[in-house]
Amino acid sequence: IKPTCSPGRTPGRTPGRSFTPSEKEEGCKQVFIGNLSFNVDEDTIRGAFKDCGTITSIRFGEDRETGEFKGFGHIEFEETEATDKAVAMAGTEIMGRAVRVDHTTGASNTPGRTPGR
């Protein structure tokens, strides 16, 4: 796992435009993670974000009809400060892909699963 770009810049975006995370809601304990490898699993995500804080859950997005992994997920932390550390990891390379990380505004009601298992 290694940073692949300067802070505030997410690869894949228009050059010259910096990534600005969405405003963090008070008490936010969850982040969105995108541009994930289709071979990623929960253990890899836990390992990558372990230094941010205590992870309480990880959910991966799935296609509602096929159940196929869609390349994104959500991480919920025990403490709100952990989300700031996680968002600062935007652009970090995980399994060969620079991940997108941003604050979220609430949990999805769609159950997730761990891809690759």
PDB file of N, CA and C in Angstrom:
ATOM      1  N   ILE A   1       0.858  -1.164   0.000  1.00  0.00           N
ATOM      2  CA  ILE A   1       0.000   0.000   0.000  1.00  0.00           C
ATOM      3  C   ILE A   1       0.906   1.228   0.000  1.00  0.00           C
ATOM      4  N   LYS A   2       0.703   2.084  -0.995  1.00  0.00           N
ATOM      5  CA  LYS A   2       1.552   3.256  -1.084  1.00  0.00           C
ATOM      6  C   LYS A   2       0.792   4.405  -1.716  1.00  0.00           C
ATOM      7  N   PRO A   3       1.062   5.627  -1.272  1.00  0.00           N
ATOM      8  CA  PRO A   3       0.436   6.780  -1.909  1.00  0.00           C
ATOM      9  C   PRO A   3       0.935   6.893  -3.344  1.00  0.00           C
ATOM     10  N   THR A   4       0.028   7.210  -4.268  1.00  0.00           N
ATOM     11  CA  THR A   4       0.412   7.302  -5.667  1.00  0.00           C
ATOM     12  C   THR A   4       0.273   8.720  -6.199  1.00  0.00           C
ATOM     13  N   CYS A   5      -0.086   9.658  -5.346  1.00  0.00           N
ATOM     14  CA  CYS A   5      -0.258  11.022  -5.810  1.00  0.00           C
ATOM     15  C   CYS A   5      -0.068  11.971  -4.649  1.00  0.00           C
ATOM     16  N   SER A   6      -0.027  13.231  -4.983  1.00  0.00           N
ATOM     17  CA  SER A   6       0.122  14.219  -3.928  1.00  0.00           C
ATOM     18  C   SER A   6      -1.166  14.315  -3.124  1.00  0.00           C
ATOM     19  N   PRO A   7      -1.099  14.717  -1.846  1.00  0.00           N
ATOM     20  CA  PRO A   7      -2.299  14.828  -1.028  1.00  0.00           C
ATOM     21  C   PRO A   7      -3.315  15.761  -1.679  1.00  0.00           C
ATOM     22  N   GLY A   8      -4.582  15.388  -1.572  1.00  0.00           N
ATOM     23  CA  GLY A   8      -5.643  16.215  -2.123  1.00  0.00           C
ATOM     24  C   GLY A   8      -5.902  15.958  -3.599  1.00  0.00           C
ATOM     25  N   ARG A   9      -5.192  15.033  -4.206  1.00  0.00           N
ATOM     26  CA  ARG A   9      -5.379  14.740  -5.614  1.00  0.00           C
ATOM     27  C   ARG A   9      -5.676  13.264  -5.769  1.00  0.00           C
ATOM     28  N   THR A  10      -6.762  12.948  -6.448  1.00  0.00           N
ATOM     29  CA  THR A  10      -7.124  11.572  -6.690  1.00  0.00           C
ATOM     30  C   THR A  10      -6.859  11.241  -8.150  1.00  0.00           C
ATOM     31  N   PRO A  11      -6.052  10.203  -8.438  1.00  0.00           N
ATOM     32  CA  PRO A  11      -5.793   9.827  -9.824  1.00  0.00           C
ATOM     33  C   PRO A  11      -7.104   9.516 -10.537  1.00  0.00           C
ATOM     34  N   GLY A  12      -7.110   9.752 -11.843  1.00  0.00           N
ATOM     35  CA  GLY A  12      -8.309   9.483 -12.613  1.00  0.00           C
ATOM     36  C   GLY A  12      -9.191  10.714 -12.746  1.00  0.00           C
ATOM     37  N   ARG A  13      -8.924  11.725 -11.979  1.00  0.00           N
ATOM     38  CA  ARG A  13      -9.665  12.970 -12.095  1.00  0.00           C
ATOM     39  C   ARG A  13      -8.931  13.879 -13.074  1.00  0.00           C
ATOM     40  N   THR A  14      -9.618  14.894 -13.527  1.00  0.00           N
ATOM     41  CA  THR A  14      -9.023  15.836 -14.469  1.00  0.00           C
ATOM     42  C   THR A  14      -7.772  16.476 -13.871  1.00  0.00           C
ATOM     43  N   PRO A  15      -6.652  16.445 -14.600  1.00  0.00           N
ATOM     44  CA  PRO A  15      -5.432  17.073 -14.073  1.00  0.00           C
ATOM     45  C   PRO A  15      -5.682  18.542 -13.748  1.00  0.00           C
ATOM     46  N   GLY A  16      -5.082  18.981 -12.662  1.00  0.00           N
ATOM     47  CA  GLY A  16      -5.255  20.366 -12.257  1.00  0.00           C
ATOM     48  C   GLY A  16      -6.422  20.575 -11.307  1.00  0.00           C
ATOM     49  N   ARG A  17      -7.292  19.612 -11.232  1.00  0.00           N
ATOM     50  CA  ARG A  17      -8.420  19.702 -10.302  1.00  0.00           C
ATOM     51  C   ARG A  17      -8.090  18.867  -9.077  1.00  0.00           C
ATOM     52  N   SER A  18      -8.174  19.466  -7.916  1.00  0.00           N
ATOM     53  CA  SER A  18      -7.878  18.703  -6.715  1.00  0.00           C
ATOM     54  C   SER A  18      -9.172  18.113  -6.161  1.00  0.00           C
ATOM     55  N   PHE A  19      -9.027  17.012  -5.450  1.00  0.00           N
ATOM     56  CA  PHE A  19     -10.163  16.355  -4.826  1.00  0.00           C
ATOM     57  C   PHE A  19     -10.472  17.055  -3.519  1.00  0.00           C
ATOM     58  N   THR A  20     -11.708  17.465  -3.354  1.00  0.00           N
ATOM     59  CA  THR A  20     -12.142  18.068  -2.106  1.00  0.00           C
ATOM     60  C   THR A  20     -13.161  17.134  -1.485  1.00  0.00           C
ATOM     61  N   PRO A  21     -12.866  16.587  -0.312  1.00  0.00           N
ATOM     62  CA  PRO A  21     -13.829  15.682   0.310  1.00  0.00           C
ATOM     63  C   PRO A  21     -15.111  16.419   0.665  1.00  0.00           C
ATOM     64  N   SER A  22     -16.197  15.675   0.700  1.00  0.00           N
ATOM     65  CA  SER A  22     -17.465  16.281   1.092  1.00  0.00           C
ATOM     66  C   SER A  22     -17.393  16.705   2.557  1.00  0.00           C
ATOM     67  N   GLU A  23     -18.289  17.595   2.935  1.00  0.00           N
ATOM     68  CA  GLU A  23     -18.297  18.084   4.311  1.00  0.00           C
ATOM     69  C   GLU A  23     -18.667  16.949   5.259  1.00  0.00           C
ATOM     70  N   LYS A  24     -17.925  16.851   6.319  1.00  0.00           N
ATOM     71  CA  LYS A  24     -18.159  15.795   7.301  1.00  0.00           C
ATOM     72  C   LYS A  24     -19.311  16.201   8.217  1.00  0.00           C
ATOM     73  N   GLU A  25     -20.324  15.342   8.309  1.00  0.00           N
ATOM     74  CA  GLU A  25     -21.429  15.588   9.222  1.00  0.00           C
ATOM     75  C   GLU A  25     -20.989  15.298  10.649  1.00  0.00           C
ATOM     76  N   GLU A  26     -21.558  16.008  11.589  1.00  0.00           N
ATOM     77  CA  GLU A  26     -21.218  15.797  12.991  1.00  0.00           C
ATOM     78  C   GLU A  26     -21.503  14.351  13.384  1.00  0.00           C
ATOM     79  N   GLY A  27     -20.533  13.724  14.027  1.00  0.00           N
ATOM     80  CA  GLY A  27     -20.687  12.342  14.475  1.00  0.00           C
ATOM     81  C   GLY A  27     -20.473  11.302  13.394  1.00  0.00           C
ATOM     82  N   CYS A  28     -20.060  11.718  12.208  1.00  0.00           N
ATOM     83  CA  CYS A  28     -19.839  10.791  11.092  1.00  0.00           C
ATOM     84  C   CYS A  28     -18.812   9.733  11.484  1.00  0.00           C
ATOM     85  N   LYS A  29     -19.168   8.472  11.279  1.00  0.00           N
ATOM     86  CA  LYS A  29     -18.261   7.370  11.599  1.00  0.00           C
ATOM     87  C   LYS A  29     -18.060   6.443  10.410  1.00  0.00           C
ATOM     88  N   GLN A  30     -18.457   6.884   9.213  1.00  0.00           N
ATOM     89  CA  GLN A  30     -18.427   6.013   8.052  1.00  0.00           C
ATOM     90  C   GLN A  30     -17.817   6.730   6.854  1.00  0.00           C
ATOM     91  N   VAL A  31     -17.053   5.978   6.048  1.00  0.00           N
ATOM     92  CA  VAL A  31     -16.493   6.526   4.821  1.00  0.00           C
ATOM     93  C   VAL A  31     -16.862   5.645   3.635  1.00  0.00           C
ATOM     94  N   PHE A  32     -16.917   6.275   2.473  1.00  0.00           N
ATOM     95  CA  PHE A  32     -17.088   5.598   1.199  1.00  0.00           C
ATOM     96  C   PHE A  32     -15.698   5.271   0.671  1.00  0.00           C
ATOM     97  N   ILE A  33     -15.519   4.085   0.111  1.00  0.00           N
ATOM     98  CA  ILE A  33     -14.265   3.734  -0.558  1.00  0.00           C
ATOM     99  C   ILE A  33     -14.613   3.249  -1.963  1.00  0.00           C
ATOM    100  N   GLY A  34     -13.951   3.819  -2.947  1.00  0.00           N
ATOM    101  CA  GLY A  34     -14.248   3.470  -4.334  1.00  0.00           C
ATOM    102  C   GLY A  34     -12.996   3.166  -5.121  1.00  0.00           C
ATOM    103  N   ASN A  35     -13.217   2.746  -6.369  1.00  0.00           N
ATOM    104  CA  ASN A  35     -12.145   2.345  -7.278  1.00  0.00           C
ATOM    105  C   ASN A  35     -11.375   1.154  -6.719  1.00  0.00           C
ATOM    106  N   LEU A  36     -12.109   0.248  -6.077  1.00  0.00           N
ATOM    107  CA  LEU A  36     -11.483  -0.934  -5.486  1.00  0.00           C
ATOM    108  C   LEU A  36     -11.262  -2.018  -6.533  1.00  0.00           C
ATOM    109  N   SER A  37     -10.206  -2.790  -6.357  1.00  0.00           N
ATOM    110  CA  SER A  37      -9.949  -3.951  -7.193  1.00  0.00           C
ATOM    111  C   SER A  37     -11.099  -4.937  -7.013  1.00  0.00           C
ATOM    112  N   PHE A  38     -11.457  -5.627  -8.078  1.00  0.00           N
ATOM    113  CA  PHE A  38     -12.532  -6.613  -7.982  1.00  0.00           C
ATOM    114  C   PHE A  38     -12.068  -7.875  -7.262  1.00  0.00           C
ATOM    115  N   ASN A  39     -10.791  -7.947  -6.899  1.00  0.00           N
ATOM    116  CA  ASN A  39     -10.263  -9.072  -6.135  1.00  0.00           C
ATOM    117  C   ASN A  39     -10.047  -8.729  -4.671  1.00  0.00           C
ATOM    118  N   VAL A  40     -10.432  -7.527  -4.244  1.00  0.00           N
ATOM    119  CA  VAL A  40     -10.213  -7.097  -2.863  1.00  0.00           C
ATOM    120  C   VAL A  40     -11.086  -7.920  -1.915  1.00  0.00           C
ATOM    121  N   ASP A  41     -10.626  -8.069  -0.693  1.00  0.00           N
ATOM    122  CA  ASP A  41     -11.448  -8.731   0.321  1.00  0.00           C
ATOM    123  C   ASP A  41     -11.404  -7.895   1.605  1.00  0.00           C
ATOM    124  N   GLU A  42     -12.210  -8.291   2.560  1.00  0.00           N
ATOM    125  CA  GLU A  42     -12.333  -7.535   3.806  1.00  0.00           C
ATOM    126  C   GLU A  42     -11.007  -7.442   4.556  1.00  0.00           C
ATOM    127  N   ASP A  43     -10.233  -8.508   4.558  1.00  0.00           N
ATOM    128  CA  ASP A  43      -8.950  -8.486   5.265  1.00  0.00           C
ATOM    129  C   ASP A  43      -7.993  -7.445   4.680  1.00  0.00           C
ATOM    130  N   THR A  44      -8.009  -7.298   3.365  1.00  0.00           N
ATOM    131  CA  THR A  44      -7.151  -6.308   2.714  1.00  0.00           C
ATOM    132  C   THR A  44      -7.566  -4.897   3.117  1.00  0.00           C
ATOM    133  N   ILE A  45      -8.861  -4.634   3.140  1.00  0.00           N
ATOM    134  CA  ILE A  45      -9.363  -3.311   3.537  1.00  0.00           C
ATOM    135  C   ILE A  45      -9.033  -3.050   5.008  1.00  0.00           C
ATOM    136  N   ARG A  46      -9.258  -4.034   5.853  1.00  0.00           N
ATOM    137  CA  ARG A  46      -8.926  -3.868   7.281  1.00  0.00           C
ATOM    138  C   ARG A  46      -7.439  -3.552   7.459  1.00  0.00           C
ATOM    139  N   GLY A  47      -6.578  -4.241   6.730  1.00  0.00           N
ATOM    140  CA  GLY A  47      -5.153  -4.002   6.829  1.00  0.00           C
ATOM    141  C   GLY A  47      -4.759  -2.611   6.352  1.00  0.00           C
ATOM    142  N   ALA A  48      -5.384  -2.157   5.288  1.00  0.00           N
ATOM    143  CA  ALA A  48      -5.050  -0.853   4.731  1.00  0.00           C
ATOM    144  C   ALA A  48      -5.476   0.298   5.639  1.00  0.00           C
ATOM    145  N   PHE A  49      -6.603   0.142   6.329  1.00  0.00           N
ATOM    146  CA  PHE A  49      -7.164   1.239   7.124  1.00  0.00           C
ATOM    147  C   PHE A  49      -7.021   1.032   8.635  1.00  0.00           C
ATOM    148  N   LYS A  50      -6.263   0.021   9.044  1.00  0.00           N
ATOM    149  CA  LYS A  50      -6.149  -0.303  10.473  1.00  0.00           C
ATOM    150  C   LYS A  50      -5.564   0.831  11.311  1.00  0.00           C
ATOM    151  N   ASP A  51      -4.683   1.635  10.744  1.00  0.00           N
ATOM    152  CA  ASP A  51      -4.058   2.718  11.506  1.00  0.00           C
ATOM    153  C   ASP A  51      -4.968   3.937  11.665  1.00  0.00           C
ATOM    154  N   CYS A  52      -6.100   3.925  10.987  1.00  0.00           N
ATOM    155  CA  CYS A  52      -7.044   5.058  11.095  1.00  0.00           C
ATOM    156  C   CYS A  52      -7.835   4.993  12.398  1.00  0.00           C
ATOM    157  N   GLY A  53      -8.183   3.798  12.841  1.00  0.00           N
ATOM    158  CA  GLY A  53      -8.981   3.616  14.048  1.00  0.00           C
ATOM    159  C   GLY A  53      -9.621   2.245  14.045  1.00  0.00           C
ATOM    160  N   THR A  54     -10.489   2.004  15.013  1.00  0.00           N
ATOM    161  CA  THR A  54     -11.148   0.707  15.147  1.00  0.00           C
ATOM    162  C   THR A  54     -12.266   0.567  14.122  1.00  0.00           C
ATOM    163  N   ILE A  55     -12.153  -0.425  13.250  1.00  0.00           N
ATOM    164  CA  ILE A  55     -13.163  -0.685  12.226  1.00  0.00           C
ATOM    165  C   ILE A  55     -14.241  -1.576  12.829  1.00  0.00           C
ATOM    166  N   THR A  56     -15.501  -1.123  12.746  1.00  0.00           N
ATOM    167  CA  THR A  56     -16.606  -1.924  13.281  1.00  0.00           C
ATOM    168  C   THR A  56     -17.286  -2.755  12.194  1.00  0.00           C
ATOM    169  N   SER A  57     -17.285  -2.249  10.944  1.00  0.00           N
ATOM    170  CA  SER A  57     -17.860  -3.038   9.855  1.00  0.00           C
ATOM    171  C   SER A  57     -17.376  -2.541   8.505  1.00  0.00           C
ATOM    172  N   ILE A  58     -17.419  -3.451   7.541  1.00  0.00           N
ATOM    173  CA  ILE A  58     -17.096  -3.145   6.149  1.00  0.00           C
ATOM    174  C   ILE A  58     -18.205  -3.743   5.304  1.00  0.00           C
ATOM    175  N   ARG A  59     -18.759  -2.925   4.410  1.00  0.00           N
ATOM    176  CA  ARG A  59     -19.799  -3.400   3.484  1.00  0.00           C
ATOM    177  C   ARG A  59     -19.358  -3.113   2.063  1.00  0.00           C
ATOM    178  N   PHE A  60     -19.532  -4.067   1.172  1.00  0.00           N
ATOM    179  CA  PHE A  60     -19.181  -3.884  -0.229  1.00  0.00           C
ATOM    180  C   PHE A  60     -20.456  -3.743  -1.060  1.00  0.00           C
ATOM    181  N   GLY A  61     -20.423  -2.847  -2.050  1.00  0.00           N
ATOM    182  CA  GLY A  61     -21.572  -2.644  -2.935  1.00  0.00           C
ATOM    183  C   GLY A  61     -21.714  -3.799  -3.906  1.00  0.00           C
ATOM    184  N   GLU A  62     -22.966  -4.209  -4.102  1.00  0.00           N
ATOM    185  CA  GLU A  62     -23.277  -5.314  -5.008  1.00  0.00           C
ATOM    186  C   GLU A  62     -24.390  -4.914  -5.963  1.00  0.00           C
ATOM    187  N   ASP A  63     -24.377  -5.496  -7.134  1.00  0.00           N
ATOM    188  CA  ASP A  63     -25.485  -5.337  -8.064  1.00  0.00           C
ATOM    189  C   ASP A  63     -26.704  -6.036  -7.468  1.00  0.00           C
ATOM    190  N   ARG A  64     -27.835  -5.344  -7.452  1.00  0.00           N
ATOM    191  CA  ARG A  64     -29.035  -5.910  -6.816  1.00  0.00           C
ATOM    192  C   ARG A  64     -29.548  -7.169  -7.496  1.00  0.00           C
ATOM    193  N   GLU A  65     -29.367  -7.257  -8.813  1.00  0.00           N
ATOM    194  CA  GLU A  65     -29.889  -8.415  -9.534  1.00  0.00           C
ATOM    195  C   GLU A  65     -28.911  -9.582  -9.587  1.00  0.00           C
ATOM    196  N   THR A  66     -27.631  -9.286  -9.818  1.00  0.00           N
ATOM    197  CA  THR A  66     -26.664 -10.374 -10.001  1.00  0.00           C
ATOM    198  C   THR A  66     -25.855 -10.678  -8.752  1.00  0.00           C
ATOM    199  N   GLY A  67     -25.803  -9.735  -7.811  1.00  0.00           N
ATOM    200  CA  GLY A  67     -25.001  -9.927  -6.618  1.00  0.00           C
ATOM    201  C   GLY A  67     -23.519  -9.706  -6.852  1.00  0.00           C
ATOM    202  N   GLU A  68     -23.149  -9.236  -8.054  1.00  0.00           N
ATOM    203  CA  GLU A  68     -21.738  -9.018  -8.371  1.00  0.00           C
ATOM    204  C   GLU A  68     -21.222  -7.759  -7.675  1.00  0.00           C
ATOM    205  N   PHE A  69     -19.984  -7.825  -7.238  1.00  0.00           N
ATOM    206  CA  PHE A  69     -19.306  -6.717  -6.591  1.00  0.00           C
ATOM    207  C   PHE A  69     -19.196  -5.557  -7.573  1.00  0.00           C
ATOM    208  N   LYS A  70     -19.432  -4.325  -7.082  1.00  0.00           N
ATOM    209  CA  LYS A  70     -19.446  -3.152  -7.955  1.00  0.00           C
ATOM    210  C   LYS A  70     -18.216  -2.242  -7.809  1.00  0.00           C
ATOM    211  N   GLY A  71     -17.219  -2.643  -7.015  1.00  0.00           N
ATOM    212  CA  GLY A  71     -15.983  -1.879  -6.953  1.00  0.00           C
ATOM    213  C   GLY A  71     -15.961  -0.765  -5.916  1.00  0.00           C
ATOM    214  N   PHE A  72     -16.917  -0.783  -5.003  1.00  0.00           N
ATOM    215  CA  PHE A  72     -16.927   0.218  -3.940  1.00  0.00           C
ATOM    216  C   PHE A  72     -17.444  -0.402  -2.655  1.00  0.00           C
ATOM    217  N   GLY A  73     -17.300   0.347  -1.566  1.00  0.00           N
ATOM    218  CA  GLY A  73     -17.793  -0.136  -0.282  1.00  0.00           C
ATOM    219  C   GLY A  73     -17.857   0.987   0.735  1.00  0.00           C
ATOM    220  N   HIS A  74     -18.146   0.619   1.962  1.00  0.00           N
ATOM    221  CA  HIS A  74     -18.210   1.563   3.078  1.00  0.00           C
ATOM    222  C   HIS A  74     -17.507   0.939   4.279  1.00  0.00           C
ATOM    223  N   ILE A  75     -16.779   1.774   5.001  1.00  0.00           N
ATOM    224  CA  ILE A  75     -16.124   1.341   6.231  1.00  0.00           C
ATOM    225  C   ILE A  75     -16.737   2.140   7.365  1.00  0.00           C
ATOM    226  N   GLU A  76     -17.145   1.446   8.409  1.00  0.00           N
ATOM    227  CA  GLU A  76     -17.649   2.119   9.604  1.00  0.00           C
ATOM    228  C   GLU A  76     -16.610   1.969  10.711  1.00  0.00           C
ATOM    229  N   PHE A  77     -16.320   3.093  11.368  1.00  0.00           N
ATOM    230  CA  PHE A  77     -15.341   3.116  12.449  1.00  0.00           C
ATOM    231  C   PHE A  77     -16.041   3.323  13.787  1.00  0.00           C
ATOM    232  N   GLU A  78     -15.354   2.974  14.855  1.00  0.00           N
ATOM    233  CA  GLU A  78     -15.877   3.160  16.204  1.00  0.00           C
ATOM    234  C   GLU A  78     -15.857   4.636  16.603  1.00  0.00           C
ATOM    235  N   GLU A  79     -14.852   5.368  16.141  1.00  0.00           N
ATOM    236  CA  GLU A  79     -14.703   6.769  16.528  1.00  0.00           C
ATOM    237  C   GLU A  79     -14.753   7.686  15.298  1.00  0.00           C
ATOM    238  N   THR A  80     -15.354   8.853  15.449  1.00  0.00           N
ATOM    239  CA  THR A  80     -15.513   9.788  14.333  1.00  0.00           C
ATOM    240  C   THR A  80     -14.184  10.325  13.819  1.00  0.00           C
ATOM    241  N   GLU A  81     -13.168  10.454  14.672  1.00  0.00           N
ATOM    242  CA  GLU A  81     -11.865  10.967  14.247  1.00  0.00           C
ATOM    243  C   GLU A  81     -11.206  10.042  13.211  1.00  0.00           C
ATOM    244  N   ALA A  82     -11.542   8.775  13.259  1.00  0.00           N
ATOM    245  CA  ALA A  82     -10.955   7.817  12.329  1.00  0.00           C
ATOM    246  C   ALA A  82     -11.323   8.128  10.887  1.00  0.00           C
ATOM    247  N   THR A  83     -12.502   8.730  10.668  1.00  0.00           N
ATOM    248  CA  THR A  83     -12.909   9.038   9.298  1.00  0.00           C
ATOM    249  C   THR A  83     -11.998  10.097   8.678  1.00  0.00           C
ATOM    250  N   ASP A  84     -11.527  11.041   9.477  1.00  0.00           N
ATOM    251  CA  ASP A  84     -10.613  12.066   8.953  1.00  0.00           C
ATOM    252  C   ASP A  84      -9.314  11.422   8.477  1.00  0.00           C
ATOM    253  N   LYS A  85      -8.802  10.480   9.256  1.00  0.00           N
ATOM    254  CA  LYS A  85      -7.578   9.777   8.877  1.00  0.00           C
ATOM    255  C   LYS A  85      -7.800   8.940   7.622  1.00  0.00           C
ATOM    256  N   ALA A  86      -8.967   8.307   7.527  1.00  0.00           N
ATOM    257  CA  ALA A  86      -9.279   7.484   6.358  1.00  0.00           C
ATOM    258  C   ALA A  86      -9.393   8.339   5.105  1.00  0.00           C
ATOM    259  N   VAL A  87     -10.092   9.472   5.192  1.00  0.00           N
ATOM    260  CA  VAL A  87     -10.248  10.351   4.031  1.00  0.00           C
ATOM    261  C   VAL A  87      -8.894  10.884   3.566  1.00  0.00           C
ATOM    262  N   ALA A  88      -7.986  11.089   4.498  1.00  0.00           N
ATOM    263  CA  ALA A  88      -6.636  11.545   4.141  1.00  0.00           C
ATOM    264  C   ALA A  88      -5.890  10.495   3.317  1.00  0.00           C
ATOM    265  N   MET A  89      -6.374   9.260   3.302  1.00  0.00           N
ATOM    266  CA  MET A  89      -5.736   8.192   2.534  1.00  0.00           C
ATOM    267  C   MET A  89      -6.208   8.149   1.082  1.00  0.00           C
ATOM    268  N   ALA A  90      -7.073   9.062   0.675  1.00  0.00           N
ATOM    269  CA  ALA A  90      -7.533   9.101  -0.721  1.00  0.00           C
ATOM    270  C   ALA A  90      -6.323   9.113  -1.645  1.00  0.00           C
ATOM    271  N   GLY A  91      -6.353   8.261  -2.659  1.00  0.00           N
ATOM    272  CA  GLY A  91      -5.240   8.166  -3.600  1.00  0.00           C
ATOM    273  C   GLY A  91      -4.230   7.101  -3.248  1.00  0.00           C
ATOM    274  N   THR A  92      -4.365   6.505  -2.061  1.00  0.00           N
ATOM    275  CA  THR A  92      -3.466   5.425  -1.660  1.00  0.00           C
ATOM    276  C   THR A  92      -3.736   4.207  -2.543  1.00  0.00           C
ATOM    277  N   GLU A  93      -2.680   3.548  -2.949  1.00  0.00           N
ATOM    278  CA  GLU A  93      -2.821   2.387  -3.805  1.00  0.00           C
ATOM    279  C   GLU A  93      -3.082   1.132  -2.977  1.00  0.00           C
ATOM    280  N   ILE A  94      -4.171   0.450  -3.313  1.00  0.00           N
ATOM    281  CA  ILE A  94      -4.516  -0.831  -2.684  1.00  0.00           C
ATOM    282  C   ILE A  94      -4.750  -1.824  -3.817  1.00  0.00           C
ATOM    283  N   MET A  95      -3.956  -2.869  -3.850  1.00  0.00           N
ATOM    284  CA  MET A  95      -4.030  -3.899  -4.886  1.00  0.00           C
ATOM    285  C   MET A  95      -3.920  -3.285  -6.284  1.00  0.00           C
ATOM    286  N   GLY A  96      -3.009  -2.326  -6.423  1.00  0.00           N
ATOM    287  CA  GLY A  96      -2.739  -1.751  -7.729  1.00  0.00           C
ATOM    288  C   GLY A  96      -3.695  -0.665  -8.187  1.00  0.00           C
ATOM    289  N   ARG A  97      -4.601  -0.230  -7.314  1.00  0.00           N
ATOM    290  CA  ARG A  97      -5.561   0.811  -7.697  1.00  0.00           C
ATOM    291  C   ARG A  97      -5.560   1.932  -6.670  1.00  0.00           C
ATOM    292  N   ALA A  98      -5.563   3.158  -7.138  1.00  0.00           N
ATOM    293  CA  ALA A  98      -5.627   4.326  -6.253  1.00  0.00           C
ATOM    294  C   ALA A  98      -7.073   4.491  -5.793  1.00  0.00           C
ATOM    295  N   VAL A  99      -7.319   4.296  -4.507  1.00  0.00           N
ATOM    296  CA  VAL A  99      -8.690   4.299  -4.006  1.00  0.00           C
ATOM    297  C   VAL A  99      -9.209   5.707  -3.746  1.00  0.00           C
ATOM    298  N   ARG A 100     -10.500   5.856  -3.910  1.00  0.00           N
ATOM    299  CA  ARG A 100     -11.202   7.078  -3.546  1.00  0.00           C
ATOM    300  C   ARG A 100     -11.736   6.864  -2.139  1.00  0.00           C
ATOM    301  N   VAL A 101     -11.644   7.883  -1.300  1.00  0.00           N
ATOM    302  CA  VAL A 101     -12.161   7.801   0.061  1.00  0.00           C
ATOM    303  C   VAL A 101     -12.849   9.127   0.367  1.00  0.00           C
ATOM    304  N   ASP A 102     -14.068   9.064   0.913  1.00  0.00           N
ATOM    305  CA  ASP A 102     -14.800  10.279   1.246  1.00  0.00           C
ATOM    306  C   ASP A 102     -15.759   9.995   2.399  1.00  0.00           C
ATOM    307  N   HIS A 103     -16.138  11.059   3.095  1.00  0.00           N
ATOM    308  CA  HIS A 103     -17.140  10.932   4.163  1.00  0.00           C
ATOM    309  C   HIS A 103     -18.471  10.530   3.548  1.00  0.00           C
ATOM    310  N   THR A 104     -19.300   9.806   4.301  1.00  0.00           N
ATOM    311  CA  THR A 104     -20.640   9.463   3.833  1.00  0.00           C
ATOM    312  C   THR A 104     -21.669  10.136   4.718  1.00  0.00           C
ATOM    313  N   THR A 105     -22.898  10.056   4.265  1.00  0.00           N
ATOM    314  CA  THR A 105     -23.989  10.679   5.012  1.00  0.00           C
ATOM    315  C   THR A 105     -25.024   9.637   5.394  1.00  0.00           C
ATOM    316  N   GLY A 106     -24.609   8.631   6.126  1.00  0.00           N
ATOM    317  CA  GLY A 106     -25.547   7.615   6.589  1.00  0.00           C
ATOM    318  C   GLY A 106     -25.303   6.278   5.922  1.00  0.00           C
ATOM    319  N   ALA A 107     -25.878   5.247   6.497  1.00  0.00           N
ATOM    320  CA  ALA A 107     -25.659   3.879   6.029  1.00  0.00           C
ATOM    321  C   ALA A 107     -26.686   3.479   4.989  1.00  0.00           C
ATOM    322  N   SER A 108     -26.261   2.631   4.101  1.00  0.00           N
ATOM    323  CA  SER A 108     -27.153   2.042   3.114  1.00  0.00           C
ATOM    324  C   SER A 108     -27.914   0.901   3.776  1.00  0.00           C
ATOM    325  N   ASN A 109     -29.122   0.654   3.306  1.00  0.00           N
ATOM    326  CA  ASN A 109     -29.904  -0.460   3.841  1.00  0.00           C
ATOM    327  C   ASN A 109     -29.643  -1.745   3.079  1.00  0.00           C
ATOM    328  N   THR A 110     -28.767  -1.668   2.060  1.00  0.00           N
ATOM    329  CA  THR A 110     -28.471  -2.840   1.260  1.00  0.00           C
ATOM    330  C   THR A 110     -27.366  -3.650   1.916  1.00  0.00           C
ATOM    331  N   PRO A 111     -27.641  -4.906   2.246  1.00  0.00           N
ATOM    332  CA  PRO A 111     -26.589  -5.711   2.861  1.00  0.00           C
ATOM    333  C   PRO A 111     -25.458  -5.943   1.867  1.00  0.00           C
ATOM    334  N   GLY A 112     -24.245  -5.986   2.373  1.00  0.00           N
ATOM    335  CA  GLY A 112     -23.090  -6.205   1.515  1.00  0.00           C
ATOM    336  C   GLY A 112     -22.487  -7.568   1.764  1.00  0.00           C
ATOM    337  N   ARG A 113     -21.466  -7.863   0.995  1.00  0.00           N
ATOM    338  CA  ARG A 113     -20.758  -9.123   1.176  1.00  0.00           C
ATOM    339  C   ARG A 113     -19.301  -8.877   0.885  1.00  0.00           C
ATOM    340  N   THR A 114     -18.485  -9.842   1.158  1.00  0.00           N
ATOM    341  CA  THR A 114     -17.069  -9.736   0.890  1.00  0.00           C
ATOM    342  C   THR A 114     -16.797 -10.372  -0.465  1.00  0.00           C
ATOM    343  N   PRO A 115     -16.320  -9.563  -1.458  1.00  0.00           N
ATOM    344  CA  PRO A 115     -16.015 -10.168  -2.756  1.00  0.00           C
ATOM    345  C   PRO A 115     -14.805 -11.090  -2.648  1.00  0.00           C
ATOM    346  N   GLY A 116     -14.703 -12.007  -3.584  1.00  0.00           N
ATOM    347  CA  GLY A 116     -13.562 -12.899  -3.610  1.00  0.00           C
ATOM    348  C   GLY A 116     -13.666 -14.039  -2.622  1.00  0.00           C
ATOM    349  N   ARG A 117     -14.817 -14.175  -1.974  1.00  0.00           N
ATOM    350  CA  ARG A 117     -14.987 -15.282  -1.019  1.00  0.00           C
ATOM    351  C   ARG A 117     -16.166 -16.127  -1.406  1.00  0.00           C
TER     352      ARG A 117
END
